[in-house]
Amino acid sequence: MNNQFGFNPNKINKTEVLSSKAGLIVKKFEQWIERKGIDINSFDTDESIKKALSENRLLMPSVTDEDIKEALSELKKSKIIPFVEKNIKPILEEIIHLETEHIKLAGVKIVEDKEVLKQLEENKFFIELEGKNIFKNDRELDDVLNKAQSLGKENSMKIIETIEYYNEFADKGLIKGGREEVKKDFQSKEERKELFKKQTESLGAEKTNNLEKNKKIATIVERAVAYGVSDLGWYGDNISIKTTSEFDDVKRGTDEIFEIEKDGDESSFMGLGIDVTYRGLLSEKYKEKFSTLLKSIKNGNKTKIKYFKNHKGDMMKEFAVPKIVLFLNIDDVKDLVHMVKNIDDPKIKEEFKNSPQKFKVMNQMMIQCEILADFAEKHHNYIFRKYIDIVSSIKELAWKNLEIKQMLDSRHDDDVSLHMKYLIKEFEETEEIKN
């Protein structure tokens, strides 16, 4: 039986959990079989299985033939594949079609160049958006964006971030260098935005349009999740999400702050930085963001938030936060967009209060904080203590919040933790080669 996260623990445990490329290929292969309802007895020879596994590696850059052989070995050891003599050509053709269609549409060869892979990912994403009828046209995208930006208590009081807004922090004595430092920060932020604008315009009309769509979709996703947490009480009254300032978004790479208040202590504040991507766990974009975070932690850096007002509207002095990279995939985007479109319908709003998204977000948050705490401690970065504090605080809230307790009790070692461990292993191996 599937648990609240939509995973089947019995299915997952059939194969040894591996922090390797082979383990990920096997896992993906098993999930494809389960998702399609394919009879495992349909498979026959080693070669046919190797071919299917090979096609399933396309969204995992740098997977080698040796990884494929290892994956086949794992399938045999677990006795998942009985290898009976039956014709599976139609099934293999469907796998190949599903996994390579975006490459055919992009009109390029299968390669492992990172820039080409990013372009394939970009093309595939917009093809999927169209195929799933998420947006009929650009006008509908803009309509959903406007609706998302008006959701929630925070957005009803949207602030225009002029230099006067930033000066408020200096006038409160929260910026060490006063208004002069604010002036430099504001100018630096504006220069970064202008540089990004010029770089975008130099890409040509089609790519510029795609990047604009990216930004709009990202905003819809971020605001939808924030609305679920802060306004619909996904995790109770003690947890909320606040959007960061443009400075902290543009210069510090943090989209939102996940705020946690300890029960009975209104003066307490605990924040978790969130960088959101909606390209999925195995995407190049996720790998890029997660690897950047790992490098920052390894180098002893901490993510600092400089211009921030908490959920009560109080301006805060610059503070360090542990940070995670939150991912959502194409189906998550579809669910969130559907919710935003129809939020005026009481039935849809009630459904969103119990959306599967809230279980996914909690699962990711806990897994990343635990894994990154270990990574940070290993590399002597004291931010590990803040990751541990986040985990402890959520567990503490679970004592009085039955739903949070059920979420934590339903957690298990899944694709999220598996892939993150693999990315960390790959990152450390790469760093070791560099040194």
Protein backbone atom coordinates (compact mmCIF):
# COMPACT_ATOMS: atom_id res chain seq x y z
CA MET A 1 0.00 0.00 0.00
CA ASN A 2 1.32 3.48 -0.84
CA ASN A 3 1.98 5.79 2.09
CA GLN A 4 1.14 9.50 2.32
CA PHE A 5 4.07 10.45 0.13
CA GLY A 6 2.80 8.23 -2.70
CA PHE A 7 5.64 5.73 -2.34
CA ASN A 8 5.34 1.99 -1.83
CA PRO A 9 7.85 1.01 0.89
CA ASN A 10 7.62 -2.69 0.01
CA LYS A 11 8.47 -1.93 -3.59
CA ILE A 12 11.35 0.34 -2.69
CA ASN A 13 12.89 -2.20 -0.36
CA LYS A 14 13.10 -4.88 -3.09
CA THR A 15 16.36 -3.39 -4.27
CA GLU A 16 19.27 -2.52 -2.03
CA VAL A 17 19.41 1.25 -1.60
CA LEU A 18 22.60 2.33 -3.32
CA SER A 19 24.28 5.73 -3.31
CA SER A 20 25.41 5.13 -6.90
CA LYS A 21 24.43 5.75 -10.48
CA ALA A 22 23.56 2.08 -10.88
CA GLY A 23 21.20 2.25 -7.92
CA LEU A 24 19.44 5.27 -9.40
CA ILE A 25 19.05 3.56 -12.77
CA VAL A 26 17.55 0.49 -11.10
CA LYS A 27 15.22 2.64 -9.02
CA LYS A 28 14.06 4.59 -12.05
CA PHE A 29 13.52 1.36 -13.96
CA GLU A 30 11.43 -0.12 -11.11
CA GLN A 31 9.34 3.04 -10.86
CA TRP A 32 8.71 3.01 -14.60
CA ILE A 33 7.46 -0.59 -14.36
CA GLU A 34 5.25 0.22 -11.37
CA ARG A 35 3.89 3.43 -12.91
CA LYS A 36 2.96 1.67 -16.14
CA GLY A 37 1.58 -1.42 -14.40
CA ILE A 38 3.87 -3.67 -16.46
CA ASP A 39 4.10 -7.34 -15.56
CA ILE A 40 7.69 -8.00 -14.47
CA ASN A 41 7.47 -11.41 -16.14
CA SER A 42 7.34 -9.62 -19.49
CA PHE A 43 11.13 -9.26 -19.59
CA ASP A 44 13.47 -11.85 -21.10
CA THR A 45 17.19 -11.55 -21.97
CA ASP A 46 20.17 -9.73 -20.48
CA GLU A 47 20.55 -7.69 -23.65
CA SER A 48 16.96 -6.51 -23.64
CA ILE A 49 17.19 -5.42 -20.02
CA LYS A 50 20.52 -3.67 -20.61
CA LYS A 51 18.94 -1.80 -23.50
CA ALA A 52 16.00 -0.68 -21.36
CA LEU A 53 18.32 0.36 -18.53
CA SER A 54 20.51 2.24 -20.97
CA GLU A 55 17.57 4.26 -22.28
CA ASN A 56 16.51 5.03 -18.72
CA ARG A 57 19.86 6.70 -18.02
CA LEU A 58 19.30 9.54 -20.51
CA LEU A 59 18.23 12.05 -17.86
CA MET A 60 21.25 11.15 -15.71
CA PRO A 61 24.35 12.74 -17.27
CA SER A 62 27.70 10.90 -17.20
CA VAL A 63 26.26 7.41 -16.66
CA THR A 64 28.62 4.89 -18.25
CA ASP A 65 28.18 1.41 -19.71
CA GLU A 66 29.85 0.05 -16.57
CA ASP A 67 27.07 1.64 -14.49
CA ILE A 68 24.54 -0.13 -16.73
CA LYS A 69 26.27 -3.47 -16.17
CA GLU A 70 26.25 -2.89 -12.43
CA ALA A 71 22.55 -2.00 -12.55
CA LEU A 72 21.83 -5.25 -14.42
CA SER A 73 23.80 -7.14 -11.78
CA GLU A 74 21.74 -5.54 -9.01
CA LEU A 75 18.51 -6.53 -10.75
CA LYS A 76 19.72 -10.12 -10.97
CA LYS A 77 20.92 -10.25 -7.36
CA SER A 78 17.57 -8.93 -6.12
CA LYS A 79 15.80 -11.48 -8.35
CA ILE A 80 13.44 -8.77 -9.55
CA ILE A 81 13.85 -9.87 -13.17
CA PRO A 82 13.02 -13.55 -13.82
CA PHE A 83 14.22 -13.45 -17.46
CA VAL A 84 11.50 -15.70 -18.90
CA GLU A 85 11.32 -16.19 -22.67
CA LYS A 86 8.73 -13.72 -23.87
CA ASN A 87 8.68 -11.06 -26.53
CA ILE A 88 9.14 -7.62 -24.95
CA LYS A 89 9.92 -5.58 -28.08
CA PRO A 90 6.75 -3.40 -27.80
CA ILE A 91 7.56 -2.56 -24.16
CA LEU A 92 11.15 -1.60 -24.93
CA GLU A 93 10.01 0.53 -27.84
CA GLU A 94 7.69 2.42 -25.51
CA ILE A 95 10.49 3.02 -22.97
CA ILE A 96 12.79 4.27 -25.71
CA HIS A 97 10.06 6.53 -27.08
CA LEU A 98 9.23 8.02 -23.68
CA GLU A 99 12.82 8.72 -22.70
CA THR A 100 14.16 9.98 -26.05
CA GLU A 101 11.26 11.91 -27.52
CA HIS A 102 12.61 15.24 -26.24
CA ILE A 103 15.95 14.53 -27.91
CA LYS A 104 14.27 13.83 -31.26
CA LEU A 105 12.27 17.04 -30.94
CA ALA A 106 15.41 19.00 -30.12
CA GLY A 107 17.04 17.62 -33.26
CA VAL A 108 20.40 16.79 -31.70
CA LYS A 109 22.44 13.69 -30.99
CA ILE A 110 22.60 12.06 -27.57
CA VAL A 111 25.63 13.62 -25.89
CA GLU A 112 26.85 14.29 -22.38
CA ASP A 113 27.89 17.90 -22.83
CA LYS A 114 26.38 19.88 -19.95
CA GLU A 115 25.31 22.86 -22.04
CA VAL A 116 23.58 20.60 -24.57
CA LEU A 117 21.87 18.70 -21.75
CA LYS A 118 20.61 21.96 -20.30
CA GLN A 119 19.18 22.91 -23.70
CA LEU A 120 17.51 19.51 -24.03
CA GLU A 121 16.03 19.99 -20.58
CA GLU A 122 14.75 23.44 -21.52
CA ASN A 123 13.11 22.15 -24.71
CA LYS A 124 11.63 19.16 -22.94
CA PHE A 125 10.19 21.32 -20.18
CA PHE A 126 8.22 23.58 -22.49
CA ILE A 127 7.07 20.62 -24.61
CA GLU A 128 5.73 19.00 -21.43
CA LEU A 129 4.03 22.23 -20.34
CA GLU A 130 2.21 22.35 -23.65
CA GLY A 131 1.47 18.62 -23.66
CA LYS A 132 -0.08 18.71 -20.20
CA ASN A 133 -2.23 21.74 -21.12
CA ILE A 134 -0.96 23.70 -18.13
CA PHE A 135 -1.11 26.97 -20.03
CA LYS A 136 -3.07 27.41 -23.25
CA ASN A 137 -1.16 30.56 -24.18
CA ASP A 138 0.98 33.38 -22.79
CA ARG A 139 -2.07 35.38 -21.77
CA GLU A 140 -3.29 32.58 -19.53
CA LEU A 141 0.19 32.31 -17.99
CA ASP A 142 0.07 36.03 -17.15
CA ASP A 143 -3.43 35.68 -15.68
CA VAL A 144 -2.30 32.85 -13.38
CA LEU A 145 0.81 34.83 -12.42
CA ASN A 146 -1.29 37.85 -11.41
CA LYS A 147 -3.56 35.63 -9.36
CA ALA A 148 -0.60 33.97 -7.63
CA GLN A 149 0.91 37.35 -6.79
CA SER A 150 -2.31 38.42 -5.09
CA LEU A 151 -2.58 35.27 -2.94
CA GLY A 152 -2.11 35.45 0.79
CA LYS A 153 -1.73 38.04 3.51
CA GLU A 154 1.84 38.87 2.55
CA ASN A 155 1.06 39.61 -1.09
CA SER A 156 -1.93 41.78 -0.22
CA MET A 157 0.63 44.22 1.22
CA LYS A 158 3.18 44.01 -1.60
CA ILE A 159 6.10 46.37 -1.06
CA ILE A 160 7.91 48.20 -3.84
CA GLU A 161 11.57 47.86 -2.97
CA THR A 162 12.90 51.35 -3.55
CA ILE A 163 16.11 52.52 -1.91
CA GLU A 164 13.92 54.17 0.76
CA TYR A 165 12.66 50.70 1.74
CA TYR A 166 16.25 49.50 2.25
CA ASN A 167 17.15 52.70 4.12
CA GLU A 168 14.59 51.79 6.78
CA PHE A 169 16.96 49.01 7.90
CA ALA A 170 19.84 51.48 8.18
CA ASP A 171 17.74 54.00 10.10
CA LYS A 172 16.87 51.26 12.60
CA GLY A 173 20.58 50.65 13.18
CA LEU A 174 20.47 47.21 11.54
CA ILE A 175 23.06 47.94 8.84
CA LYS A 176 26.59 48.43 10.15
CA GLY A 177 27.63 50.91 7.43
CA GLY A 178 24.36 52.83 7.55
CA ARG A 179 22.86 54.46 4.48
CA GLU A 180 26.18 54.42 2.65
CA GLU A 181 26.28 50.61 2.82
CA VAL A 182 22.64 50.45 1.75
CA LYS A 183 23.45 52.63 -1.25
CA LYS A 184 26.22 50.23 -2.33
CA ASP A 185 24.00 47.16 -1.81
CA PHE A 186 21.13 48.71 -3.75
CA GLN A 187 23.43 49.72 -6.61
CA SER A 188 25.00 46.25 -6.68
CA LYS A 189 21.55 44.64 -6.84
CA GLU A 190 20.43 46.92 -9.68
CA GLU A 191 23.66 46.26 -11.61
CA ARG A 192 23.15 42.50 -11.27
CA LYS A 193 19.57 42.83 -12.55
CA GLU A 194 20.70 44.99 -15.47
CA LEU A 195 23.47 42.54 -16.37
CA PHE A 196 21.00 39.66 -16.34
CA LYS A 197 18.63 41.67 -18.54
CA LYS A 198 21.38 42.34 -21.10
CA GLN A 199 22.52 38.73 -21.11
CA THR A 200 18.93 37.61 -21.61
CA GLU A 201 18.32 40.00 -24.50
CA SER A 202 21.50 38.80 -26.22
CA LEU A 203 20.12 35.25 -26.41
CA GLY A 204 17.53 36.07 -29.05
CA ALA A 205 13.75 36.40 -28.97
CA GLU A 206 12.85 32.73 -28.42
CA LYS A 207 15.27 32.10 -25.55
CA THR A 208 14.41 35.45 -23.98
CA ASN A 209 10.75 34.51 -24.07
CA ASN A 210 11.52 31.12 -22.49
CA LEU A 211 13.48 32.75 -19.68
CA GLU A 212 10.62 35.15 -19.03
CA LYS A 213 8.25 32.19 -18.85
CA ASN A 214 10.66 30.46 -16.46
CA LYS A 215 10.60 33.43 -14.13
CA LYS A 216 6.82 33.65 -14.20
CA ILE A 217 6.34 29.93 -13.56
CA ALA A 218 8.87 30.04 -10.72
CA THR A 219 6.95 32.89 -9.10
CA ILE A 220 3.65 31.00 -9.40
CA VAL A 221 5.17 27.89 -7.82
CA GLU A 222 6.86 29.81 -4.99
CA ARG A 223 3.74 31.82 -4.15
CA ALA A 224 1.49 28.75 -4.26
CA VAL A 225 3.70 26.84 -1.80
CA ALA A 226 4.02 29.90 0.45
CA TYR A 227 0.22 30.30 0.43
CA GLY A 228 -0.24 26.66 1.43
CA VAL A 229 2.21 26.98 4.32
CA SER A 230 1.43 30.48 5.60
CA ASP A 231 -2.28 30.92 4.86
CA LEU A 232 -3.71 27.40 4.71
CA GLY A 233 -1.67 26.19 7.69
CA TRP A 234 -0.05 23.14 6.09
CA TYR A 235 2.15 22.71 9.16
CA GLY A 236 0.16 24.61 11.79
CA ASP A 237 0.45 28.13 13.12
CA ASN A 238 4.12 27.91 14.06
CA ILE A 239 5.48 27.58 10.54
CA SER A 240 5.25 30.11 7.71
CA ILE A 241 7.09 31.19 4.56
CA LYS A 242 8.23 34.73 3.80
CA THR A 243 9.61 35.98 0.50
CA THR A 244 13.09 37.47 0.74
CA SER A 245 14.07 40.92 -0.50
CA GLU A 246 15.28 41.40 -4.06
CA PHE A 247 18.79 41.88 -2.68
CA ASP A 248 18.80 38.53 -0.90
CA ASP A 249 17.22 36.83 -3.91
CA VAL A 250 19.51 38.34 -6.55
CA LYS A 251 22.75 38.55 -4.53
CA ARG A 252 22.39 35.73 -2.00
CA GLY A 253 20.42 33.20 -4.09
CA THR A 254 17.63 32.69 -1.55
CA ASP A 255 14.01 32.94 -2.72
CA GLU A 256 12.17 32.45 0.55
CA ILE A 257 12.64 31.88 4.27
CA PHE A 258 10.89 29.03 6.00
CA GLU A 259 10.13 30.47 9.48
CA ILE A 260 9.67 28.31 12.56
CA GLU A 261 8.48 29.53 15.95
CA LYS A 262 8.93 27.28 18.94
CA ASP A 263 5.73 26.60 20.86
CA GLY A 264 5.11 29.14 23.58
CA ASP A 265 8.04 31.36 22.58
CA GLU A 266 6.91 34.20 20.31
CA SER A 267 10.31 35.88 20.59
CA SER A 268 12.09 32.90 19.05
CA PHE A 269 12.97 32.86 15.39
CA MET A 270 14.42 30.07 13.32
CA GLY A 271 14.84 30.36 9.56
CA LEU A 272 15.61 27.97 6.74
CA GLY A 273 16.65 29.44 3.38
CA ILE A 274 14.92 28.00 0.33
CA ASP A 275 16.11 28.08 -3.26
CA VAL A 276 13.33 26.70 -5.47
CA THR A 277 13.62 24.89 -8.79
CA TYR A 278 10.80 23.20 -10.67
CA ARG A 279 12.84 21.06 -13.06
CA GLY A 280 12.71 17.83 -11.07
CA LEU A 281 15.17 15.84 -8.96
CA LEU A 282 17.25 14.44 -11.84
CA SER A 283 17.48 17.71 -13.78
CA GLU A 284 20.72 19.51 -14.59
CA LYS A 285 19.26 22.63 -12.96
CA TYR A 286 18.78 20.86 -9.65
CA LYS A 287 22.26 19.34 -9.80
CA GLU A 288 23.77 22.76 -10.54
CA LYS A 289 22.00 24.45 -7.61
CA PHE A 290 22.69 21.62 -5.16
CA SER A 291 26.37 21.43 -6.15
CA THR A 292 26.73 25.20 -5.67
CA LEU A 293 25.29 24.83 -2.17
CA LEU A 294 27.68 21.96 -1.38
CA LYS A 295 30.65 24.02 -2.58
CA SER A 296 29.59 26.95 -0.41
CA ILE A 297 29.30 24.72 2.68
CA LYS A 298 32.61 22.98 1.97
CA ASN A 299 34.36 26.36 1.64
CA GLY A 300 33.11 27.36 5.09
CA ASN A 301 30.57 29.90 3.85
CA LYS A 302 27.14 30.58 5.32
CA THR A 303 24.05 31.92 3.56
CA LYS A 304 23.29 35.31 5.10
CA ILE A 305 20.04 37.22 4.85
CA LYS A 306 20.46 40.98 5.07
CA TYR A 307 17.17 42.80 4.37
CA PHE A 308 14.38 40.73 5.88
CA LYS A 309 11.09 41.36 7.65
CA ASN A 310 9.68 38.39 9.53
CA HIS A 311 6.05 37.25 9.45
CA LYS A 312 5.18 39.85 12.10
CA GLY A 313 6.64 42.62 9.94
CA ASP A 314 9.68 43.21 12.18
CA MET A 315 12.91 44.21 10.46
CA MET A 316 15.76 41.90 11.39
CA LYS A 317 19.52 42.31 11.65
CA GLU A 318 21.56 40.27 9.14
CA PHE A 319 21.53 36.59 10.08
CA ALA A 320 22.85 33.27 8.76
CA VAL A 321 20.51 30.48 7.73
CA PRO A 322 20.95 26.86 6.72
CA LYS A 323 19.75 26.47 3.15
CA ILE A 324 18.10 23.80 1.01
CA VAL A 325 17.26 23.45 -2.68
CA LEU A 326 13.57 22.60 -2.96
CA PHE A 327 12.57 20.87 -6.19
CA LEU A 328 9.19 20.38 -7.82
CA ASN A 329 8.58 18.47 -11.04
CA ILE A 330 6.26 19.05 -13.98
CA ASP A 331 3.29 17.29 -12.34
CA ASP A 332 3.78 19.35 -9.17
CA VAL A 333 3.70 22.50 -11.30
CA LYS A 334 0.48 21.30 -12.91
CA ASP A 335 -1.13 20.69 -9.49
CA LEU A 336 -0.08 24.08 -8.13
CA VAL A 337 -1.20 25.97 -11.23
CA HIS A 338 -4.58 24.20 -11.10
CA MET A 339 -4.94 25.29 -7.50
CA VAL A 340 -4.06 28.93 -8.24
CA LYS A 341 -6.44 29.05 -11.21
CA ASN A 342 -9.35 27.75 -9.14
CA ILE A 343 -8.57 29.03 -5.64
CA ASP A 344 -11.88 30.93 -5.55
CA ASP A 345 -13.68 27.58 -5.58
CA PRO A 346 -14.15 26.56 -1.89
CA LYS A 347 -13.85 22.88 -2.82
CA ILE A 348 -10.48 23.41 -4.56
CA LYS A 349 -9.23 25.51 -1.66
CA GLU A 350 -10.17 22.76 0.79
CA GLU A 351 -8.42 20.17 -1.38
CA PHE A 352 -5.28 22.29 -1.40
CA LYS A 353 -5.22 22.29 2.40
CA ASN A 354 -4.48 18.57 2.14
CA SER A 355 -2.43 18.66 -1.06
CA PRO A 356 0.23 15.95 -1.54
CA GLN A 357 2.62 18.87 -2.07
CA LYS A 358 2.77 19.56 1.64
CA PHE A 359 4.02 16.02 2.33
CA LYS A 360 6.64 16.32 -0.42
CA VAL A 361 7.91 19.67 0.86
CA MET A 362 8.17 18.41 4.45
CA ASN A 363 9.93 15.24 3.32
CA GLN A 364 12.48 17.18 1.28
CA MET A 365 13.06 19.67 4.05
CA MET A 366 13.78 17.02 6.69
CA ILE A 367 15.93 14.87 4.38
CA GLN A 368 18.07 17.78 3.18
CA CYS A 369 18.57 19.22 6.67
CA GLU A 370 19.73 15.82 7.97
CA ILE A 371 22.02 15.08 5.02
CA LEU A 372 23.46 18.60 4.81
CA ALA A 373 24.02 18.70 8.57
CA ASP A 374 26.27 15.64 8.22
CA PHE A 375 28.02 17.16 5.19
CA ALA A 376 28.60 20.50 6.93
CA GLU A 377 29.92 18.85 10.09
CA LYS A 378 32.28 16.69 8.03
CA HIS A 379 33.72 19.84 6.44
CA HIS A 380 33.86 21.74 9.77
CA ASN A 381 31.21 24.31 8.88
CA TYR A 382 29.29 25.26 12.00
CA ILE A 383 26.12 25.84 9.99
CA PHE A 384 25.53 22.13 10.69
CA ARG A 385 24.16 23.16 14.08
CA LYS A 386 21.44 25.25 12.45
CA TYR A 387 20.42 22.36 10.21
CA ILE A 388 20.13 20.17 13.31
CA ASP A 389 18.11 22.90 15.08
CA ILE A 390 15.59 22.94 12.22
CA VAL A 391 15.12 19.16 12.41
CA SER A 392 14.81 19.25 16.21
CA SER A 393 12.31 22.10 16.15
CA ILE A 394 10.04 20.37 13.65
CA LYS A 395 10.18 17.16 15.68
CA GLU A 396 9.30 19.20 18.76
CA LEU A 397 6.28 20.73 16.99
CA ALA A 398 5.18 17.20 16.07
CA TRP A 399 4.55 16.47 19.77
CA LYS A 400 1.47 18.70 19.62
CA ASN A 401 0.65 18.52 15.91
CA LEU A 402 -0.63 15.08 14.96
CA GLU A 403 -0.45 15.77 11.21
CA ILE A 404 3.24 16.73 11.35
CA LYS A 405 3.87 13.61 13.44
CA GLN A 406 2.16 11.47 10.80
CA MET A 407 4.30 13.09 8.09
CA LEU A 408 7.49 12.34 9.99
CA ASP A 409 6.39 8.78 10.79
CA SER A 410 5.70 8.16 7.08
CA ARG A 411 9.21 9.12 5.98
CA HIS A 412 11.63 6.55 4.65
CA ASP A 413 14.79 6.33 2.56
CA ASP A 414 13.52 7.28 -0.91
CA ASP A 415 14.67 8.68 -4.26
CA VAL A 416 15.28 12.11 -2.75
CA SER A 417 17.82 10.95 -0.17
CA LEU A 418 19.30 8.44 -2.62
CA HIS A 419 19.96 11.05 -5.29
CA MET A 420 21.29 13.64 -2.84
CA LYS A 421 23.77 11.12 -1.44
CA TYR A 422 24.83 10.33 -4.99
CA LEU A 423 25.30 14.04 -5.81
CA ILE A 424 27.37 14.54 -2.65
CA LYS A 425 29.51 11.53 -3.50
CA GLU A 426 30.02 12.79 -7.06
CA PHE A 427 30.81 16.30 -5.78
CA GLU A 428 33.43 15.04 -3.32
CA GLU A 429 35.05 12.82 -5.94
CA THR A 430 35.24 15.77 -8.35
CA GLU A 431 36.71 18.04 -5.67
CA GLU A 432 39.27 15.38 -4.78
CA ILE A 433 40.40 15.17 -8.42
CA LYS A 434 40.75 18.98 -8.56
CA ASN A 435 42.94 18.97 -5.47
